[in-house]
PDB file of all heavy atoms in Angstrom:
ATOM      1  N   THR A   1      17.483 -51.358  47.609  1.00  0.00           N
ATOM      2  CA  THR A   1      16.990 -51.961  48.813  1.00  0.00           C
ATOM      3  C   THR A   1      16.431 -53.417  48.436  1.00  0.00           C
ATOM      4  O   THR A   1      16.321 -53.728  47.225  1.00  0.00           O
ATOM      5  CB  THR A   1      15.827 -51.260  49.567  1.00  0.00           C
ATOM      6  OG1 THR A   1      14.723 -51.153  48.602  1.00  0.00           O
ATOM      7  CG2 THR A   1      16.311 -49.747  49.829  1.00  0.00           C
ATOM      8  N   ASP A   2      16.145 -54.253  49.404  1.00  0.00           N
ATOM      9  CA  ASP A   2      15.609 -55.503  49.068  1.00  0.00           C
ATOM     10  C   ASP A   2      14.084 -55.655  49.373  1.00  0.00           C
ATOM     11  O   ASP A   2      13.479 -56.703  49.173  1.00  0.00           O
ATOM     12  CB  ASP A   2      16.328 -56.617  49.889  1.00  0.00           C
ATOM     13  CG  ASP A   2      16.172 -56.492  51.371  1.00  0.00           C
ATOM     14  OD1 ASP A   2      15.441 -55.516  51.770  1.00  0.00           O
ATOM     15  OD2 ASP A   2      16.617 -57.301  52.143  1.00  0.00           O
ATOM     16  N   ASP A   3      13.499 -54.486  49.748  1.00  0.00           N
ATOM     17  CA  ASP A   3      12.026 -54.541  50.000  1.00  0.00           C
ATOM     18  C   ASP A   3      11.218 -53.398  49.396  1.00  0.00           C
ATOM     19  O   ASP A   3      10.051 -53.336  49.612  1.00  0.00           O
ATOM     20  CB  ASP A   3      11.901 -54.423  51.602  1.00  0.00           C
ATOM     21  CG  ASP A   3      12.491 -53.095  52.119  1.00  0.00           C
ATOM     22  OD1 ASP A   3      13.023 -52.287  51.309  1.00  0.00           O
ATOM     23  OD2 ASP A   3      12.479 -52.917  53.361  1.00  0.00           O
ATOM     24  N   GLY A   4      11.920 -52.643  48.494  1.00  0.00           N
ATOM     25  CA  GLY A   4      11.130 -51.627  47.730  1.00  0.00           C
ATOM     26  C   GLY A   4      10.644 -50.502  48.704  1.00  0.00           C
ATOM     27  O   GLY A   4       9.746 -49.699  48.203  1.00  0.00           O
ATOM     28  N   SER A   5      11.201 -50.368  49.875  1.00  0.00           N
ATOM     29  CA  SER A   5      10.680 -49.257  50.809  1.00  0.00           C
ATOM     30  C   SER A   5      11.060 -47.972  50.246  1.00  0.00           C
ATOM     31  O   SER A   5      12.090 -47.846  49.563  1.00  0.00           O
ATOM     32  CB  SER A   5      11.196 -49.529  52.175  1.00  0.00           C
ATOM     33  OG  SER A   5      12.639 -49.418  52.195  1.00  0.00           O
ATOM     34  N   ASP A   6      10.303 -46.955  50.624  1.00  0.00           N
ATOM     35  CA  ASP A   6      10.590 -45.623  50.095  1.00  0.00           C
ATOM     36  C   ASP A   6      11.073 -44.729  51.245  1.00  0.00           C
ATOM     37  O   ASP A   6      10.719 -43.528  51.349  1.00  0.00           O
ATOM     38  CB  ASP A   6       9.391 -44.958  49.487  1.00  0.00           C
ATOM     39  CG  ASP A   6       8.125 -44.970  50.396  1.00  0.00           C
ATOM     40  OD1 ASP A   6       8.264 -45.495  51.539  1.00  0.00           O
ATOM     41  OD2 ASP A   6       7.124 -44.397  50.080  1.00  0.00           O
ATOM     42  N   ARG A   7      12.023 -45.235  52.086  1.00  0.00           N
ATOM     43  CA  ARG A   7      12.554 -44.423  53.240  1.00  0.00           C
ATOM     44  C   ARG A   7      13.264 -43.240  52.626  1.00  0.00           C
ATOM     45  O   ARG A   7      13.988 -43.369  51.593  1.00  0.00           O
ATOM     46  CB  ARG A   7      13.493 -45.298  53.982  1.00  0.00           C
ATOM     47  CG  ARG A   7      12.794 -46.397  54.838  1.00  0.00           C
ATOM     48  CD  ARG A   7      13.889 -47.226  55.573  1.00  0.00           C
ATOM     49  NE  ARG A   7      14.703 -48.016  54.649  1.00  0.00           N
ATOM     50  CZ  ARG A   7      16.030 -47.917  54.680  1.00  0.00           C
ATOM     51  NH1 ARG A   7      16.667 -47.167  55.598  1.00  0.00           N
ATOM     52  NH2 ARG A   7      16.701 -48.663  53.800  1.00  0.00           N
ATOM     53  N   ASP A   8      13.262 -42.163  53.295  1.00  0.00           N
ATOM     54  CA  ASP A   8      13.943 -40.919  52.927  1.00  0.00           C
ATOM     55  C   ASP A   8      15.398 -41.007  53.507  1.00  0.00           C
ATOM     56  O   ASP A   8      15.645 -40.954  54.699  1.00  0.00           O
ATOM     57  CB  ASP A   8      13.278 -39.661  53.420  1.00  0.00           C
ATOM     58  CG  ASP A   8      13.822 -38.449  52.818  1.00  0.00           C
ATOM     59  OD1 ASP A   8      15.013 -38.480  52.318  1.00  0.00           O
ATOM     60  OD2 ASP A   8      13.172 -37.397  52.856  1.00  0.00           O
ATOM     61  N   LEU A   9      16.396 -41.152  52.627  1.00  0.00           N
ATOM     62  CA  LEU A   9      17.760 -41.332  53.044  1.00  0.00           C
ATOM     63  C   LEU A   9      18.576 -40.071  53.083  1.00  0.00           C
ATOM     64  O   LEU A   9      19.738 -40.074  53.229  1.00  0.00           O
ATOM     65  CB  LEU A   9      18.474 -42.400  52.186  1.00  0.00           C
ATOM     66  CG  LEU A   9      18.065 -43.834  52.215  1.00  0.00           C
ATOM     67  CD1 LEU A   9      18.850 -44.668  51.363  1.00  0.00           C
ATOM     68  CD2 LEU A   9      18.116 -44.350  53.695  1.00  0.00           C
ATOM     69  N   ARG A  10      17.907 -38.914  52.851  1.00  0.00           N
ATOM     70  CA  ARG A  10      18.586 -37.679  52.676  1.00  0.00           C
ATOM     71  C   ARG A  10      19.437 -37.349  53.990  1.00  0.00           C
ATOM     72  O   ARG A  10      20.508 -36.785  53.886  1.00  0.00           O
ATOM     73  CB  ARG A  10      17.751 -36.584  52.285  1.00  0.00           C
ATOM     74  CG  ARG A  10      17.357 -36.652  50.757  1.00  0.00           C
ATOM     75  CD  ARG A  10      16.385 -35.558  50.309  1.00  0.00           C
ATOM     76  NE  ARG A  10      15.011 -35.785  50.868  1.00  0.00           N
ATOM     77  CZ  ARG A  10      13.971 -35.123  50.561  1.00  0.00           C
ATOM     78  NH1 ARG A  10      14.191 -34.026  49.769  1.00  0.00           N
ATOM     79  NH2 ARG A  10      12.834 -35.337  51.119  1.00  0.00           N
ATOM     80  N   ALA A  11      18.753 -37.415  55.148  1.00  0.00           N
ATOM     81  CA  ALA A  11      19.497 -37.100  56.342  1.00  0.00           C
ATOM     82  C   ALA A  11      20.732 -37.980  56.574  1.00  0.00           C
ATOM     83  O   ALA A  11      21.827 -37.449  56.916  1.00  0.00           O
ATOM     84  CB  ALA A  11      18.529 -37.147  57.506  1.00  0.00           C
ATOM     85  N   ALA A  12      20.580 -39.256  56.396  1.00  0.00           N
ATOM     86  CA  ALA A  12      21.688 -40.204  56.548  1.00  0.00           C
ATOM     87  C   ALA A  12      22.746 -39.846  55.504  1.00  0.00           C
ATOM     88  O   ALA A  12      23.986 -40.017  55.772  1.00  0.00           O
ATOM     89  CB  ALA A  12      21.170 -41.586  56.419  1.00  0.00           C
ATOM     90  N   ALA A  13      22.324 -39.644  54.274  1.00  0.00           N
ATOM     91  CA  ALA A  13      23.344 -39.325  53.149  1.00  0.00           C
ATOM     92  C   ALA A  13      24.091 -38.112  53.481  1.00  0.00           C
ATOM     93  O   ALA A  13      25.205 -37.958  53.187  1.00  0.00           O
ATOM     94  CB  ALA A  13      22.569 -39.297  51.880  1.00  0.00           C
ATOM     95  N   PHE A  14      23.411 -37.098  53.941  1.00  0.00           N
ATOM     96  CA  PHE A  14      24.035 -35.803  54.403  1.00  0.00           C
ATOM     97  C   PHE A  14      25.108 -36.033  55.404  1.00  0.00           C
ATOM     98  O   PHE A  14      26.238 -35.518  55.259  1.00  0.00           O
ATOM     99  CB  PHE A  14      22.994 -34.839  54.922  1.00  0.00           C
ATOM    100  CG  PHE A  14      23.511 -33.464  55.227  1.00  0.00           C
ATOM    101  CD1 PHE A  14      23.347 -32.388  54.300  1.00  0.00           C
ATOM    102  CD2 PHE A  14      24.108 -33.178  56.435  1.00  0.00           C
ATOM    103  CE1 PHE A  14      23.899 -31.096  54.542  1.00  0.00           C
ATOM    104  CE2 PHE A  14      24.588 -31.928  56.651  1.00  0.00           C
ATOM    105  CZ  PHE A  14      24.487 -30.846  55.815  1.00  0.00           C
ATOM    106  N   GLU A  15      24.893 -36.844  56.443  1.00  0.00           N
ATOM    107  CA  GLU A  15      25.765 -37.124  57.430  1.00  0.00           C
ATOM    108  C   GLU A  15      26.966 -37.936  56.786  1.00  0.00           C
ATOM    109  O   GLU A  15      28.186 -37.688  57.172  1.00  0.00           O
ATOM    110  CB  GLU A  15      25.192 -37.913  58.555  1.00  0.00           C
ATOM    111  CG  GLU A  15      26.188 -38.158  59.687  1.00  0.00           C
ATOM    112  CD  GLU A  15      25.497 -38.794  60.893  1.00  0.00           C
ATOM    113  OE1 GLU A  15      24.235 -39.023  60.827  1.00  0.00           O
ATOM    114  OE2 GLU A  15      26.244 -39.101  61.873  1.00  0.00           O
ATOM    115  N   LEU A  16      26.712 -38.902  55.899  1.00  0.00           N
ATOM    116  CA  LEU A  16      27.806 -39.648  55.230  1.00  0.00           C
ATOM    117  C   LEU A  16      28.688 -38.721  54.483  1.00  0.00           C
ATOM    118  O   LEU A  16      29.921 -38.785  54.544  1.00  0.00           O
ATOM    119  CB  LEU A  16      27.226 -40.656  54.299  1.00  0.00           C
ATOM    120  CG  LEU A  16      28.132 -41.348  53.415  1.00  0.00           C
ATOM    121  CD1 LEU A  16      29.144 -42.266  54.139  1.00  0.00           C
ATOM    122  CD2 LEU A  16      27.399 -42.177  52.253  1.00  0.00           C
ATOM    123  N   LEU A  17      28.092 -37.848  53.654  1.00  0.00           N
ATOM    124  CA  LEU A  17      28.931 -37.065  52.712  1.00  0.00           C
ATOM    125  C   LEU A  17      29.662 -35.888  53.374  1.00  0.00           C
ATOM    126  O   LEU A  17      30.730 -35.520  52.895  1.00  0.00           O
ATOM    127  CB  LEU A  17      27.931 -36.508  51.633  1.00  0.00           C
ATOM    128  CG  LEU A  17      27.307 -37.593  50.683  1.00  0.00           C
ATOM    129  CD1 LEU A  17      26.285 -36.906  49.740  1.00  0.00           C
ATOM    130  CD2 LEU A  17      28.303 -38.324  50.001  1.00  0.00           C
ATOM    131  N   THR A  18      29.036 -35.260  54.409  1.00  0.00           N
ATOM    132  CA  THR A  18      29.626 -34.108  55.064  1.00  0.00           C
ATOM    133  C   THR A  18      30.328 -34.471  56.369  1.00  0.00           C
ATOM    134  O   THR A  18      31.148 -33.618  56.879  1.00  0.00           O
ATOM    135  CB  THR A  18      28.633 -33.024  55.366  1.00  0.00           C
ATOM    136  OG1 THR A  18      27.709 -33.507  56.320  1.00  0.00           O
ATOM    137  CG2 THR A  18      27.799 -32.689  54.026  1.00  0.00           C
ATOM    138  N   GLY A  19      30.014 -35.550  56.978  1.00  0.00           N
ATOM    139  CA  GLY A  19      30.525 -35.908  58.294  1.00  0.00           C
ATOM    140  C   GLY A  19      29.888 -35.162  59.430  1.00  0.00           C
ATOM    141  O   GLY A  19      30.415 -35.085  60.558  1.00  0.00           O
ATOM    142  N   ALA A  20      28.796 -34.433  59.179  1.00  0.00           N
ATOM    143  CA  ALA A  20      28.096 -33.665  60.196  1.00  0.00           C
ATOM    144  C   ALA A  20      26.585 -33.985  60.195  1.00  0.00           C
ATOM    145  O   ALA A  20      26.013 -34.339  59.167  1.00  0.00           O
ATOM    146  CB  ALA A  20      28.269 -32.218  59.898  1.00  0.00           C
ATOM    147  N   GLN A  21      26.002 -33.848  61.413  1.00  0.00           N
ATOM    148  CA  GLN A  21      24.604 -34.039  61.538  1.00  0.00           C
ATOM    149  C   GLN A  21      23.829 -32.805  60.822  1.00  0.00           C
ATOM    150  O   GLN A  21      24.272 -31.666  61.130  1.00  0.00           O
ATOM    151  CB  GLN A  21      24.177 -34.087  62.940  1.00  0.00           C
ATOM    152  CG  GLN A  21      24.522 -35.385  63.629  1.00  0.00           C
ATOM    153  CD  GLN A  21      23.526 -36.484  63.433  1.00  0.00           C
ATOM    154  OE1 GLN A  21      22.514 -36.249  62.775  1.00  0.00           O
ATOM    155  NE2 GLN A  21      23.887 -37.689  63.897  1.00  0.00           N
ATOM    156  N   PRO A  22      22.859 -33.036  60.009  1.00  0.00           N
ATOM    157  CA  PRO A  22      22.149 -31.950  59.424  1.00  0.00           C
ATOM    158  C   PRO A  22      21.251 -31.174  60.470  1.00  0.00           C
ATOM    159  O   PRO A  22      20.681 -31.794  61.340  1.00  0.00           O
ATOM    160  CB  PRO A  22      21.311 -32.509  58.302  1.00  0.00           C
ATOM    161  CG  PRO A  22      21.006 -33.907  58.803  1.00  0.00           C
ATOM    162  CD  PRO A  22      22.295 -34.379  59.561  1.00  0.00           C
ATOM    163  N   ALA A  23      21.123 -29.878  60.222  1.00  0.00           N
ATOM    164  CA  ALA A  23      20.162 -29.179  61.061  1.00  0.00           C
ATOM    165  C   ALA A  23      18.720 -29.589  60.637  1.00  0.00           C
ATOM    166  O   ALA A  23      18.530 -30.182  59.500  1.00  0.00           O
ATOM    167  CB  ALA A  23      20.270 -27.684  60.852  1.00  0.00           C
ATOM    168  N   PRO A  24      17.677 -29.392  61.449  1.00  0.00           N
ATOM    169  CA  PRO A  24      16.365 -29.793  61.030  1.00  0.00           C
ATOM    170  C   PRO A  24      15.980 -29.210  59.631  1.00  0.00           C
ATOM    171  O   PRO A  24      16.073 -28.012  59.366  1.00  0.00           O
ATOM    172  CB  PRO A  24      15.483 -29.219  62.087  1.00  0.00           C
ATOM    173  CG  PRO A  24      16.322 -29.125  63.317  1.00  0.00           C
ATOM    174  CD  PRO A  24      17.700 -28.806  62.828  1.00  0.00           C
ATOM    175  N   GLY A  25      15.689 -30.117  58.709  1.00  0.00           N
ATOM    176  CA  GLY A  25      15.219 -29.714  57.366  1.00  0.00           C
ATOM    177  C   GLY A  25      16.357 -29.394  56.381  1.00  0.00           C
ATOM    178  O   GLY A  25      16.140 -29.232  55.200  1.00  0.00           O
ATOM    179  N   GLU A  26      17.635 -29.359  56.839  1.00  0.00           N
ATOM    180  CA  GLU A  26      18.732 -28.969  56.070  1.00  0.00           C
ATOM    181  C   GLU A  26      18.981 -30.021  54.955  1.00  0.00           C
ATOM    182  O   GLU A  26      19.210 -29.621  53.782  1.00  0.00           O
ATOM    183  CB  GLU A  26      20.016 -28.823  56.872  1.00  0.00           C
ATOM    184  CG  GLU A  26      21.235 -28.341  56.033  1.00  0.00           C
ATOM    185  CD  GLU A  26      22.460 -28.177  56.922  1.00  0.00           C
ATOM    186  OE1 GLU A  26      22.462 -28.679  58.093  1.00  0.00           O
ATOM    187  OE2 GLU A  26      23.426 -27.629  56.454  1.00  0.00           O
ATOM    188  N   ALA A  27      19.043 -31.297  55.267  1.00  0.00           N
ATOM    189  CA  ALA A  27      19.189 -32.376  54.361  1.00  0.00           C
ATOM    190  C   ALA A  27      18.219 -32.374  53.319  1.00  0.00           C
ATOM    191  O   ALA A  27      18.396 -32.553  51.994  1.00  0.00           O
ATOM    192  CB  ALA A  27      19.287 -33.690  54.973  1.00  0.00           C
ATOM    193  N   GLU A  28      16.968 -32.180  53.635  1.00  0.00           N
ATOM    194  CA  GLU A  28      15.799 -32.184  52.699  1.00  0.00           C
ATOM    195  C   GLU A  28      15.901 -30.961  51.750  1.00  0.00           C
ATOM    196  O   GLU A  28      15.424 -31.087  50.594  1.00  0.00           O
ATOM    197  CB  GLU A  28      14.491 -32.210  53.501  1.00  0.00           C
ATOM    198  CG  GLU A  28      14.196 -33.510  54.223  1.00  0.00           C
ATOM    199  CD  GLU A  28      14.989 -33.668  55.510  1.00  0.00           C
ATOM    200  OE1 GLU A  28      15.612 -32.666  55.939  1.00  0.00           O
ATOM    201  OE2 GLU A  28      15.021 -34.788  55.985  1.00  0.00           O
ATOM    202  N   ARG A  29      16.440 -29.844  52.223  1.00  0.00           N
ATOM    203  CA  ARG A  29      16.569 -28.698  51.374  1.00  0.00           C
ATOM    204  C   ARG A  29      17.724 -28.790  50.317  1.00  0.00           C
ATOM    205  O   ARG A  29      17.578 -28.393  49.204  1.00  0.00           O
ATOM    206  CB  ARG A  29      16.751 -27.495  52.253  1.00  0.00           C
ATOM    207  CG  ARG A  29      15.538 -26.906  52.948  1.00  0.00           C
ATOM    208  CD  ARG A  29      15.781 -25.513  53.560  1.00  0.00           C
ATOM    209  NE  ARG A  29      16.984 -25.406  54.351  1.00  0.00           N
ATOM    210  CZ  ARG A  29      17.008 -25.688  55.643  1.00  0.00           C
ATOM    211  NH1 ARG A  29      15.965 -26.013  56.271  1.00  0.00           N
ATOM    212  NH2 ARG A  29      18.214 -25.575  56.249  1.00  0.00           N
ATOM    213  N   LYS A  30      18.819 -29.382  50.867  1.00  0.00           N
ATOM    214  CA  LYS A  30      19.960 -29.392  49.988  1.00  0.00           C
ATOM    215  C   LYS A  30      20.164 -30.593  49.076  1.00  0.00           C
ATOM    216  O   LYS A  30      20.660 -30.497  47.951  1.00  0.00           O
ATOM    217  CB  LYS A  30      21.214 -29.259  50.930  1.00  0.00           C
ATOM    218  CG  LYS A  30      21.429 -27.946  51.516  1.00  0.00           C
ATOM    219  CD  LYS A  30      22.705 -27.756  52.260  1.00  0.00           C
ATOM    220  CE  LYS A  30      22.821 -26.297  52.781  1.00  0.00           C
ATOM    221  NZ  LYS A  30      24.183 -26.205  53.457  1.00  0.00           N
ATOM    222  N   LEU A  31      19.756 -31.753  49.557  1.00  0.00           N
ATOM    223  CA  LEU A  31      19.895 -33.015  48.757  1.00  0.00           C
ATOM    224  C   LEU A  31      18.529 -33.305  48.004  1.00  0.00           C
ATOM    225  O   LEU A  31      17.430 -33.078  48.526  1.00  0.00           O
ATOM    226  CB  LEU A  31      20.190 -34.218  49.680  1.00  0.00           C
ATOM    227  CG  LEU A  31      21.483 -34.053  50.495  1.00  0.00           C
ATOM    228  CD1 LEU A  31      21.828 -35.362  51.196  1.00  0.00           C
ATOM    229  CD2 LEU A  31      22.635 -33.607  49.687  1.00  0.00           C
ATOM    230  N   ARG A  32      18.717 -33.861  46.835  1.00  0.00           N
ATOM    231  CA  ARG A  32      17.608 -34.292  46.085  1.00  0.00           C
ATOM    232  C   ARG A  32      17.524 -35.826  46.025  1.00  0.00           C
ATOM    233  O   ARG A  32      18.512 -36.498  46.287  1.00  0.00           O
ATOM    234  CB  ARG A  32      17.668 -33.872  44.625  1.00  0.00           C
ATOM    235  CG  ARG A  32      17.584 -32.323  44.477  1.00  0.00           C
ATOM    236  CD  ARG A  32      17.165 -31.962  43.022  1.00  0.00           C
ATOM    237  NE  ARG A  32      15.950 -32.492  42.698  1.00  0.00           N
ATOM    238  CZ  ARG A  32      15.474 -32.621  41.447  1.00  0.00           C
ATOM    239  NH1 ARG A  32      16.206 -32.111  40.451  1.00  0.00           N
ATOM    240  NH2 ARG A  32      14.331 -33.069  41.194  1.00  0.00           N
ATOM    241  N   ALA A  33      16.299 -36.310  45.902  1.00  0.00           N
ATOM    242  CA  ALA A  33      16.161 -37.825  45.941  1.00  0.00           C
ATOM    243  C   ALA A  33      15.234 -38.193  44.795  1.00  0.00           C
ATOM    244  O   ALA A  33      14.237 -37.581  44.399  1.00  0.00           O
ATOM    245  CB  ALA A  33      15.496 -38.214  47.235  1.00  0.00           C
ATOM    246  N   TRP A  34      15.527 -39.500  44.238  1.00  0.00           N
ATOM    247  CA  TRP A  34      14.716 -40.075  43.151  1.00  0.00           C
ATOM    248  C   TRP A  34      14.432 -41.523  43.529  1.00  0.00           C
ATOM    249  O   TRP A  34      15.406 -42.157  44.175  1.00  0.00           O
ATOM    250  CB  TRP A  34      15.479 -40.014  41.839  1.00  0.00           C
ATOM    251  CG  TRP A  34      15.754 -38.638  41.377  1.00  0.00           C
ATOM    252  CD1 TRP A  34      15.005 -37.977  40.392  1.00  0.00           C
ATOM    253  CD2 TRP A  34      16.915 -37.795  41.716  1.00  0.00           C
ATOM    254  NE1 TRP A  34      15.610 -36.747  40.142  1.00  0.00           N
ATOM    255  CE2 TRP A  34      16.758 -36.629  40.840  1.00  0.00           C
ATOM    256  CE3 TRP A  34      17.955 -37.966  42.507  1.00  0.00           C
ATOM    257  CZ2 TRP A  34      17.625 -35.558  40.953  1.00  0.00           C
ATOM    258  CZ3 TRP A  34      18.846 -36.883  42.538  1.00  0.00           C
ATOM    259  CH2 TRP A  34      18.770 -35.768  41.797  1.00  0.00           C
ATOM    260  N   ARG A  35      13.340 -42.048  43.188  1.00  0.00           N
ATOM    261  CA  ARG A  35      12.986 -43.494  43.443  1.00  0.00           C
ATOM    262  C   ARG A  35      12.513 -44.092  42.270  1.00  0.00           C
ATOM    263  O   ARG A  35      11.994 -43.478  41.397  1.00  0.00           O
ATOM    264  CB  ARG A  35      11.972 -43.567  44.586  1.00  0.00           C
ATOM    265  CG  ARG A  35      12.354 -43.099  45.937  1.00  0.00           C
ATOM    266  CD  ARG A  35      13.452 -44.059  46.477  1.00  0.00           C
ATOM    267  NE  ARG A  35      13.162 -45.462  46.528  1.00  0.00           N
ATOM    268  CZ  ARG A  35      13.582 -46.265  47.341  1.00  0.00           C
ATOM    269  NH1 ARG A  35      14.315 -45.898  48.307  1.00  0.00           N
ATOM    270  NH2 ARG A  35      13.295 -47.536  47.300  1.00  0.00           N
ATOM    271  N   SER A  36      12.658 -45.411  42.208  1.00  0.00           N
ATOM    272  CA  SER A  36      12.053 -46.315  41.201  1.00  0.00           C
ATOM    273  C   SER A  36      12.396 -45.846  39.753  1.00  0.00           C
ATOM    274  O   SER A  36      13.642 -45.626  39.542  1.00  0.00           O
ATOM    275  CB  SER A  36      10.502 -46.277  41.402  1.00  0.00           C
ATOM    276  OG  SER A  36       9.882 -47.287  40.584  1.00  0.00           O
ATOM    277  N   GLU A  37      11.440 -45.772  38.885  1.00  0.00           N
ATOM    278  CA  GLU A  37      11.743 -45.347  37.439  1.00  0.00           C
ATOM    279  C   GLU A  37      12.355 -43.987  37.400  1.00  0.00           C
ATOM    280  O   GLU A  37      13.138 -43.658  36.522  1.00  0.00           O
ATOM    281  CB  GLU A  37      10.455 -45.548  36.675  1.00  0.00           C
ATOM    282  CG  GLU A  37      10.061 -46.857  36.358  1.00  0.00           C
ATOM    283  CD  GLU A  37       9.047 -47.008  35.267  1.00  0.00           C
ATOM    284  OE1 GLU A  37       8.713 -45.841  34.624  1.00  0.00           O
ATOM    285  OE2 GLU A  37       8.550 -48.069  34.897  1.00  0.00           O
ATOM    286  N   GLY A  38      11.938 -43.098  38.314  1.00  0.00           N
ATOM    287  CA  GLY A  38      12.573 -41.774  38.422  1.00  0.00           C
ATOM    288  C   GLY A  38      14.070 -41.835  38.675  1.00  0.00           C
ATOM    289  O   GLY A  38      14.810 -40.987  38.029  1.00  0.00           O
ATOM    290  N   ALA A  39      14.526 -42.759  39.428  1.00  0.00           N
ATOM    291  CA  ALA A  39      15.938 -42.843  39.712  1.00  0.00           C
ATOM    292  C   ALA A  39      16.653 -43.419  38.445  1.00  0.00           C
ATOM    293  O   ALA A  39      17.751 -42.907  38.095  1.00  0.00           O
ATOM    294  CB  ALA A  39      16.163 -43.816  40.890  1.00  0.00           C
ATOM    295  N   CYS A  40      16.055 -44.341  37.773  1.00  0.00           N
ATOM    296  CA  CYS A  40      16.663 -44.900  36.521  1.00  0.00           C
ATOM    297  C   CYS A  40      16.716 -43.743  35.417  1.00  0.00           C
ATOM    298  O   CYS A  40      17.760 -43.667  34.776  1.00  0.00           O
ATOM    299  CB  CYS A  40      15.871 -46.057  36.077  1.00  0.00           C
ATOM    300  SG  CYS A  40      15.803 -47.503  37.190  1.00  0.00           S
ATOM    301  N   GLU A  41      15.675 -43.092  35.314  1.00  0.00           N
ATOM    302  CA  GLU A  41      15.621 -42.018  34.341  1.00  0.00           C
ATOM    303  C   GLU A  41      16.661 -40.963  34.621  1.00  0.00           C
ATOM    304  O   GLU A  41      17.394 -40.525  33.716  1.00  0.00           O
ATOM    305  CB  GLU A  41      14.231 -41.323  34.341  1.00  0.00           C
ATOM    306  CG  GLU A  41      14.118 -40.197  33.322  1.00  0.00           C
ATOM    307  CD  GLU A  41      12.751 -39.562  33.422  1.00  0.00           C
ATOM    308  OE1 GLU A  41      12.407 -39.184  34.633  1.00  0.00           O
ATOM    309  OE2 GLU A  41      12.111 -39.403  32.426  1.00  0.00           O
ATOM    310  N   HIS A  42      16.774 -40.600  35.905  1.00  0.00           N
ATOM    311  CA  HIS A  42      17.835 -39.609  36.273  1.00  0.00           C
ATOM    312  C   HIS A  42      19.258 -40.121  35.930  1.00  0.00           C
ATOM    313  O   HIS A  42      20.070 -39.390  35.374  1.00  0.00           O
ATOM    314  CB  HIS A  42      17.757 -39.330  37.791  1.00  0.00           C
ATOM    315  CG  HIS A  42      18.799 -38.350  38.256  1.00  0.00           C
ATOM    316  ND1 HIS A  42      18.830 -37.034  37.898  1.00  0.00           N
ATOM    317  CD2 HIS A  42      19.942 -38.557  38.988  1.00  0.00           C
ATOM    318  CE1 HIS A  42      19.854 -36.379  38.419  1.00  0.00           C
ATOM    319  NE2 HIS A  42      20.565 -37.300  39.139  1.00  0.00           N
ATOM    320  N   LEU A  43      19.535 -41.347  36.235  1.00  0.00           N
ATOM    321  CA  LEU A  43      20.908 -41.914  35.916  1.00  0.00           C
ATOM    322  C   LEU A  43      21.132 -41.964  34.360  1.00  0.00           C
ATOM    323  O   LEU A  43      22.229 -41.678  34.014  1.00  0.00           O
ATOM    324  CB  LEU A  43      20.939 -43.331  36.432  1.00  0.00           C
ATOM    325  CG  LEU A  43      22.296 -44.112  36.290  1.00  0.00           C
ATOM    326  CD1 LEU A  43      23.432 -43.309  36.978  1.00  0.00           C
ATOM    327  CD2 LEU A  43      22.238 -45.531  36.747  1.00  0.00           C
ATOM    328  N   PHE A  44      20.145 -42.251  33.637  1.00  0.00           N
ATOM    329  CA  PHE A  44      20.207 -42.207  32.143  1.00  0.00           C
ATOM    330  C   PHE A  44      20.568 -40.761  31.703  1.00  0.00           C
ATOM    331  O   PHE A  44      21.432 -40.567  30.837  1.00  0.00           O
ATOM    332  CB  PHE A  44      18.962 -42.685  31.520  1.00  0.00           C
ATOM    333  CG  PHE A  44      18.644 -44.204  31.721  1.00  0.00           C
ATOM    334  CD1 PHE A  44      17.411 -44.709  31.404  1.00  0.00           C
ATOM    335  CD2 PHE A  44      19.554 -45.000  32.361  1.00  0.00           C
ATOM    336  CE1 PHE A  44      17.102 -45.982  31.623  1.00  0.00           C
ATOM    337  CE2 PHE A  44      19.308 -46.329  32.536  1.00  0.00           C
ATOM    338  CZ  PHE A  44      18.053 -46.883  32.220  1.00  0.00           C
ATOM    339  N   LEU A  45      19.816 -39.827  32.234  1.00  0.00           N
ATOM    340  CA  LEU A  45      20.034 -38.467  31.848  1.00  0.00           C
ATOM    341  C   LEU A  45      21.379 -37.924  32.249  1.00  0.00           C
ATOM    342  O   LEU A  45      22.064 -37.187  31.439  1.00  0.00           O
ATOM    343  CB  LEU A  45      18.933 -37.593  32.497  1.00  0.00           C
ATOM    344  CG  LEU A  45      17.444 -37.706  32.145  1.00  0.00           C
ATOM    345  CD1 LEU A  45      16.570 -36.891  32.969  1.00  0.00           C
ATOM    346  CD2 LEU A  45      17.349 -37.380  30.615  1.00  0.00           C
ATOM    347  N   VAL A  46      21.868 -38.366  33.471  1.00  0.00           N
ATOM    348  CA  VAL A  46      23.254 -37.941  33.903  1.00  0.00           C
ATOM    349  C   VAL A  46      24.271 -38.545  32.928  1.00  0.00           C
ATOM    350  O   VAL A  46      25.141 -37.893  32.399  1.00  0.00           O
ATOM    351  CB  VAL A  46      23.493 -38.430  35.311  1.00  0.00           C
ATOM    352  CG1 VAL A  46      24.959 -38.295  35.623  1.00  0.00           C
ATOM    353  CG2 VAL A  46      22.624 -37.629  36.280  1.00  0.00           C
ATOM    354  N   ALA A  47      24.175 -39.833  32.669  1.00  0.00           N
ATOM    355  CA  ALA A  47      25.246 -40.552  31.794  1.00  0.00           C
ATOM    356  C   ALA A  47      25.251 -40.000  30.403  1.00  0.00           C
ATOM    357  O   ALA A  47      26.280 -39.880  29.764  1.00  0.00           O
ATOM    358  CB  ALA A  47      24.928 -42.036  31.736  1.00  0.00           C
TER     359      ALA A  47
END
């Protein structure tokens, strides 16, 4: 992002990836999220 905001994108990402609106709490249960240094660390671990 360009503002460092910590918006939760899981619901929007769920809709993008599946093409369906998530049920209440479904995206938060199924998708994981990382921010800031945690996101970088996760990418390093994956690679």
